[in-house]
Amino acid sequence: MAVIVKYIVVRNGEEKMTFATKKEADAHDKMLDIADNLFDFLESAKTKLTEDQLEEISLVMAQKRDALMLILRGMNPKKQAPSKLADKPVSKPAAKPAAKTAAKTKIKEKK
């Protein structure tokens, strides 16, 4: 007989998702917390949206929070994608100066 461990995310007594690892379950639970906070924020803004629309917008914003954070900082998330590839370590010593340049660029963008 095999023992299988499952992590279940429960919200308001309702099972939302089942995960194989605690890390995945925690990440999903955090995303749902963010969505709840966004829902409250949007609802308090007195927008003329239905509850379903508010919920859907909140979930999308929470799921894409990394891109949303860049947008809120005034950056273009599409331009950030290639720089993530530059973060990967390169085994050739000649690539180190380019990596330093990329790191300096990121620091400038954060300011």
Protein backbone atom coordinates (compact mmCIF):
# COMPACT_ATOMS: atom_id res chain seq x y z
CA MET A 1 0.00 0.00 0.00
CA ALA A 2 1.34 3.44 -0.97
CA VAL A 3 1.03 6.56 1.11
CA ILE A 4 0.34 9.70 -0.87
CA VAL A 5 0.58 13.13 0.71
CA LYS A 6 -1.67 15.79 -0.77
CA TYR A 7 -1.89 19.45 0.16
CA ILE A 8 -5.34 20.94 -0.22
CA VAL A 9 -5.99 24.68 -0.31
CA VAL A 10 -9.29 25.39 1.44
CA ARG A 11 -11.03 28.79 1.35
CA ASN A 12 -14.22 29.50 3.26
CA GLY A 13 -14.76 25.78 3.79
CA GLU A 14 -14.44 25.06 0.05
CA GLU A 15 -11.62 23.02 -1.47
CA LYS A 16 -9.95 25.14 -4.15
CA MET A 17 -7.00 23.09 -5.38
CA THR A 18 -4.94 20.03 -4.51
CA PHE A 19 -1.14 20.02 -4.78
CA ALA A 20 1.62 17.46 -4.49
CA THR A 21 4.00 19.79 -2.62
CA LYS A 22 3.59 22.19 0.26
CA LYS A 23 5.49 24.87 -1.67
CA GLU A 24 2.95 24.81 -4.52
CA ALA A 25 0.04 24.88 -2.08
CA ASP A 26 1.53 27.81 -0.16
CA ALA A 27 2.15 29.73 -3.40
CA HIS A 28 -1.46 29.20 -4.50
CA ASP A 29 -2.76 30.20 -1.07
CA LYS A 30 -0.65 33.37 -1.18
CA MET A 31 -2.01 34.18 -4.65
CA LEU A 32 -5.57 33.79 -3.30
CA ASP A 33 -4.73 36.10 -0.36
CA ILE A 34 -3.48 38.71 -2.81
CA ALA A 35 -6.61 38.30 -4.93
CA ASP A 36 -8.80 38.80 -1.84
CA ASN A 37 -6.94 41.98 -0.94
CA LEU A 38 -7.19 43.26 -4.52
CA PHE A 39 -10.91 42.49 -4.56
CA ASP A 40 -11.41 44.56 -1.39
CA PHE A 41 -9.29 47.37 -2.82
CA LEU A 42 -11.19 47.47 -6.12
CA GLU A 43 -14.55 47.19 -4.36
CA SER A 44 -13.72 50.12 -2.07
CA ALA A 45 -12.80 52.20 -5.14
CA LYS A 46 -16.51 52.25 -5.97
CA THR A 47 -15.94 50.97 -9.50
CA LYS A 48 -19.01 50.07 -11.48
CA LEU A 49 -18.20 46.40 -11.87
CA THR A 50 -20.17 43.35 -10.88
CA GLU A 51 -18.89 41.08 -8.13
CA ASP A 52 -17.95 38.44 -10.73
CA GLN A 53 -15.97 41.00 -12.72
CA LEU A 54 -14.19 42.22 -9.59
CA GLU A 55 -13.32 38.64 -8.66
CA GLU A 56 -12.02 37.83 -12.14
CA ILE A 57 -9.92 41.01 -12.34
CA SER A 58 -8.53 40.39 -8.85
CA LEU A 59 -7.51 36.83 -9.73
CA VAL A 60 -5.82 37.89 -12.98
CA MET A 61 -3.91 40.65 -11.21
CA ALA A 62 -2.82 38.28 -8.44
CA GLN A 63 -1.75 35.58 -10.91
CA LYS A 64 0.30 38.08 -12.92
CA ARG A 65 1.57 40.03 -9.92
CA ASP A 66 5.20 40.11 -11.11
CA ALA A 67 4.27 41.84 -14.36
CA LEU A 68 1.80 44.06 -12.50
CA MET A 69 4.52 45.21 -10.09
CA LEU A 70 6.69 46.24 -13.03
CA ILE A 71 3.80 48.16 -14.55
CA LEU A 72 3.11 49.94 -11.25
CA ARG A 73 6.79 50.90 -11.08
CA GLY A 74 6.49 52.49 -14.52
CA MET A 75 8.37 49.75 -16.37
CA ASN A 76 7.35 47.75 -19.40
CA PRO A 77 7.06 44.05 -18.43
CA LYS A 78 7.67 42.99 -22.04
CA LYS A 79 11.10 44.61 -21.98
CA GLN A 80 11.98 42.83 -18.72
CA ALA A 81 11.64 39.29 -20.09
CA PRO A 82 14.96 39.19 -22.04
CA SER A 83 16.92 40.49 -19.04
CA LYS A 84 15.88 37.41 -17.04
CA LEU A 85 17.84 35.28 -19.48
CA ALA A 86 20.95 37.36 -18.77
CA ASP A 87 20.64 36.47 -15.06
CA LYS A 88 21.51 32.84 -15.74
CA PRO A 89 25.16 32.05 -14.97
CA VAL A 90 27.36 31.63 -18.00
CA SER A 91 30.36 29.29 -17.84
CA LYS A 92 32.53 31.37 -20.20
CA PRO A 93 34.69 34.01 -18.46
CA ALA A 94 34.26 36.40 -21.40
CA ALA A 95 30.54 36.76 -20.55
CA LYS A 96 31.17 38.17 -17.06
CA PRO A 97 31.53 41.84 -18.13
CA ALA A 98 28.21 41.62 -19.96
CA ALA A 99 26.56 40.18 -16.85
CA LYS A 100 27.95 43.07 -14.78
CA THR A 101 26.53 45.54 -17.30
CA ALA A 102 23.13 43.84 -17.09
CA ALA A 103 23.25 43.99 -13.29
CA LYS A 104 24.08 47.71 -13.36
CA THR A 105 21.19 48.29 -15.75
CA LYS A 106 18.79 46.55 -13.36
CA ILE A 107 19.98 48.63 -10.44
CA LYS A 108 19.41 51.82 -12.39
CA GLU A 109 15.89 50.73 -13.35
CA LYS A 110 14.94 49.99 -9.73
CA LYS A 111 15.82 53.53 -8.56
